[in-house]
C-alpha atoms as a PDB file:
ATOM      1  CA  UNK A   1      -9.910 -13.314   2.116  1.00  0.00           C
ATOM      2  CA  UNK A   2      -9.669 -10.050   4.088  1.00  0.00           C
ATOM      3  CA  UNK A   3      -7.596  -7.429   3.710  1.00  0.00           C
ATOM      4  CA  UNK A   4      -7.219  -4.738   6.909  1.00  0.00           C
ATOM      5  CA  UNK A   5      -5.351  -1.203   6.230  1.00  0.00           C
ATOM      6  CA  UNK A   6      -4.726   0.738   9.032  1.00  0.00           C
ATOM      7  CA  UNK A   7      -1.918   3.521   9.802  1.00  0.00           C
ATOM      8  CA  UNK A   8      -3.574   6.377   7.117  1.00  0.00           C
ATOM      9  CA  UNK A   9      -3.817  10.124   9.055  1.00  0.00           C
ATOM     10  CA  UNK A  10      -3.079  13.401   8.456  1.00  0.00           C
ATOM     11  CA  UNK A  11       0.571  14.817   7.867  1.00  0.00           C
ATOM     12  CA  UNK A  12       2.289  17.848   7.044  1.00  0.00           C
ATOM     13  CA  UNK A  13       4.129  17.888   3.919  1.00  0.00           C
ATOM     14  CA  UNK A  14       7.639  16.369   4.176  1.00  0.00           C
ATOM     15  CA  UNK A  15       6.399  13.961   6.572  1.00  0.00           C
ATOM     16  CA  UNK A  16       6.110  10.311   6.772  1.00  0.00           C
ATOM     17  CA  UNK A  17       3.572   7.989   7.939  1.00  0.00           C
ATOM     18  CA  UNK A  18       3.866   4.045   7.534  1.00  0.00           C
ATOM     19  CA  UNK A  19       0.427   2.234   6.527  1.00  0.00           C
ATOM     20  CA  UNK A  20       0.072  -2.139   7.123  1.00  0.00           C
ATOM     21  CA  UNK A  21      -2.497  -4.562   5.983  1.00  0.00           C
ATOM     22  CA  UNK A  22      -3.182  -7.412   7.404  1.00  0.00           C
ATOM     23  CA  UNK A  23      -4.166 -10.266   5.412  1.00  0.00           C
ATOM     24  CA  UNK A  24      -5.896 -14.032   6.119  1.00  0.00           C
ATOM     25  CA  UNK A  25      -8.095 -16.053   3.863  1.00  0.00           C
ATOM     26  CA  UNK A  26      -5.322 -17.264   1.946  1.00  0.00           C
ATOM     27  CA  UNK A  27      -1.064 -18.347   1.696  1.00  0.00           C
ATOM     28  CA  UNK A  28      -0.186 -14.764   2.325  1.00  0.00           C
ATOM     29  CA  UNK A  29       3.690 -16.431   1.773  1.00  0.00           C
ATOM     30  CA  UNK A  30       2.708 -17.605  -1.741  1.00  0.00           C
ATOM     31  CA  UNK A  31       1.186 -14.661  -3.422  1.00  0.00           C
ATOM     32  CA  UNK A  32       3.012 -11.038  -4.307  1.00  0.00           C
ATOM     33  CA  UNK A  33       1.174  -8.246  -2.989  1.00  0.00           C
ATOM     34  CA  UNK A  34       0.129  -4.205  -4.007  1.00  0.00           C
ATOM     35  CA  UNK A  35      -0.730  -1.062  -2.541  1.00  0.00           C
ATOM     36  CA  UNK A  36      -2.708   1.375  -4.916  1.00  0.00           C
ATOM     37  CA  UNK A  37      -4.042   4.745  -4.464  1.00  0.00           C
ATOM     38  CA  UNK A  38      -7.031   6.369  -5.183  1.00  0.00           C
ATOM     39  CA  UNK A  39      -7.481  10.559  -5.233  1.00  0.00           C
ATOM     40  CA  UNK A  40     -10.699  12.375  -5.436  1.00  0.00           C
ATOM     41  CA  UNK A  41     -11.811  12.446  -8.787  1.00  0.00           C
ATOM     42  CA  UNK A  42      -8.665  10.676 -10.873  1.00  0.00           C
ATOM     43  CA  UNK A  43      -8.744   6.794 -11.534  1.00  0.00           C
ATOM     44  CA  UNK A  44      -6.977   4.341  -8.861  1.00  0.00           C
ATOM     45  CA  UNK A  45      -3.294   4.125  -9.616  1.00  0.00           C
ATOM     46  CA  UNK A  46      -0.251   1.629  -9.033  1.00  0.00           C
ATOM     47  CA  UNK A  47       1.694   2.112  -6.056  1.00  0.00           C
ATOM     48  CA  UNK A  48       3.747  -0.551  -5.425  1.00  0.00           C
ATOM     49  CA  UNK A  49       4.433  -4.339  -5.507  1.00  0.00           C
ATOM     50  CA  UNK A  50       6.711  -6.862  -3.475  1.00  0.00           C
ATOM     51  CA  UNK A  51       7.483 -10.591  -4.163  1.00  0.00           C
ATOM     52  CA  UNK A  52       5.990 -13.539  -2.031  1.00  0.00           C
ATOM     53  CA  UNK A  53       8.781 -13.480  -1.055  1.00  0.00           C
ATOM     54  CA  UNK A  54      10.266 -10.071  -0.527  1.00  0.00           C
ATOM     55  CA  UNK A  55      13.110  -9.996  -2.777  1.00  0.00           C
ATOM     56  CA  UNK A  56      11.609  -8.183  -5.749  1.00  0.00           C
ATOM     57  CA  UNK A  57      10.108  -4.705  -5.312  1.00  0.00           C
ATOM     58  CA  UNK A  58       8.409  -2.288  -8.237  1.00  0.00           C
ATOM     59  CA  UNK A  59       7.546   1.050  -7.639  1.00  0.00           C
ATOM     60  CA  UNK A  60       5.149   3.820  -9.873  1.00  0.00           C
ATOM     61  CA  UNK A  61       7.175   6.864 -11.131  1.00  0.00           C
ATOM     62  CA  UNK A  62       5.654   9.160  -8.793  1.00  0.00           C
ATOM     63  CA  UNK A  63       6.234   7.131  -5.725  1.00  0.00           C
ATOM     64  CA  UNK A  64       9.525   6.270  -6.902  1.00  0.00           C
ATOM     65  CA  UNK A  65      12.740   7.015  -4.258  1.00  0.00           C
ATOM     66  CA  UNK A  66       9.811   7.890  -1.446  1.00  0.00           C
ATOM     67  CA  UNK A  67       7.715   5.096  -0.351  1.00  0.00           C
ATOM     68  CA  UNK A  68       9.398   1.805   0.769  1.00  0.00           C
ATOM     69  CA  UNK A  69       6.978  -1.472  -0.101  1.00  0.00           C
ATOM     70  CA  UNK A  70       8.278  -4.453   2.924  1.00  0.00           C
ATOM     71  CA  UNK A  71       6.080  -7.641   4.333  1.00  0.00           C
ATOM     72  CA  UNK A  72       6.491  -9.847   6.921  1.00  0.00           C
ATOM     73  CA  UNK A  73       5.143 -12.798   5.912  1.00  0.00           C
ATOM     74  CA  UNK A  74       5.142 -14.335   9.713  1.00  0.00           C
ATOM     75  CA  UNK A  75       2.517 -11.804  11.174  1.00  0.00           C
ATOM     76  CA  UNK A  76       0.690 -12.147   7.130  1.00  0.00           C
ATOM     77  CA  UNK A  77       1.395  -7.865   6.784  1.00  0.00           C
ATOM     78  CA  UNK A  78       2.660  -5.713   3.989  1.00  0.00           C
ATOM     79  CA  UNK A  79       3.616  -2.489   5.030  1.00  0.00           C
ATOM     80  CA  UNK A  80       4.091   0.930   3.073  1.00  0.00           C
ATOM     81  CA  UNK A  81       6.323   3.297   4.562  1.00  0.00           C
ATOM     82  CA  UNK A  82       6.441   7.115   3.244  1.00  0.00           C
ATOM     83  CA  UNK A  83       8.440   9.468   3.113  1.00  0.00           C
ATOM     84  CA  UNK A  84       9.225  13.307   1.629  1.00  0.00           C
ATOM     85  CA  UNK A  85       4.772  12.723   1.171  1.00  0.00           C
ATOM     86  CA  UNK A  86       3.350  15.930  -0.843  1.00  0.00           C
ATOM     87  CA  UNK A  87       0.283  17.170  -0.850  1.00  0.00           C
ATOM     88  CA  UNK A  88      -0.142  15.090  -4.171  1.00  0.00           C
ATOM     89  CA  UNK A  89      -0.496  11.933  -2.490  1.00  0.00           C
ATOM     90  CA  UNK A  90      -3.520  12.975  -0.864  1.00  0.00           C
ATOM     91  CA  UNK A  91      -5.397   9.527  -1.337  1.00  0.00           C
ATOM     92  CA  UNK A  92      -7.315   6.675   0.104  1.00  0.00           C
ATOM     93  CA  UNK A  93      -4.714   3.427   0.008  1.00  0.00           C
ATOM     94  CA  UNK A  94      -5.559   0.149  -0.956  1.00  0.00           C
ATOM     95  CA  UNK A  95      -3.680  -3.607  -0.394  1.00  0.00           C
ATOM     96  CA  UNK A  96      -4.826  -5.778  -3.112  1.00  0.00           C
ATOM     97  CA  UNK A  97      -3.664  -9.129  -3.795  1.00  0.00           C
ATOM     98  CA  UNK A  98      -4.827 -11.202  -7.304  1.00  0.00           C
ATOM     99  CA  UNK A  99      -5.188 -14.727  -6.201  1.00  0.00           C
ATOM    100  CA  UNK A 100      -5.880 -17.202  -9.523  1.00  0.00           C
ATOM    101  CA  UNK A 101      -7.182 -13.796 -11.771  1.00  0.00           C
ATOM    102  CA  UNK A 102      -9.479 -12.096  -9.048  1.00  0.00           C
ATOM    103  CA  UNK A 103      -8.277  -9.321  -7.474  1.00  0.00           C
ATOM    104  CA  UNK A 104      -9.069  -8.880  -3.689  1.00  0.00           C
ATOM    105  CA  UNK A 105      -9.174  -5.335  -2.301  1.00  0.00           C
ATOM    106  CA  UNK A 106      -9.486  -3.683   1.353  1.00  0.00           C
ATOM    107  CA  UNK A 107     -11.079  -1.541   2.151  1.00  0.00           C
ATOM    108  CA  UNK A 108      -8.770   1.861   2.204  1.00  0.00           C
ATOM    109  CA  UNK A 109      -7.002   3.995   4.280  1.00  0.00           C
ATOM    110  CA  UNK A 110      -7.177   7.993   4.059  1.00  0.00           C
ATOM    111  CA  UNK A 111      -3.660   9.101   3.469  1.00  0.00           C
ATOM    112  CA  UNK A 112      -3.926  13.273   3.702  1.00  0.00           C
ATOM    113  CA  UNK A 113      -1.215  15.536   3.373  1.00  0.00           C
ATOM    114  CA  UNK A 114      -1.564  19.072   4.718  1.00  0.00           C
ATOM    115  CA  UNK A 115      -0.210  22.469   6.200  1.00  0.00           C
END
């Protein structure tokens, strides 16, 4: 299983970023995918998930209405569109999948929101 995130960077408050996670090593269209984040000194936090078909999404309270998760099963890729970014969104963002009780993580991509 390999999960490779990309798209992070430095953005000003109010700006937008789109993260991508390229997946391989499993049947991508058979599993729900999730995004988590971890800020310095804080525990890892759930951000969003999307079901295998993409029909259903869920979001953490802190990002509802600002972030949108999507997937392209033809490209084995899951996305996180982040709008109206705030300094408190600064964190390392991780893509994740739970395969038969084992959770796999990508290496993470840093998002920094600062003026």
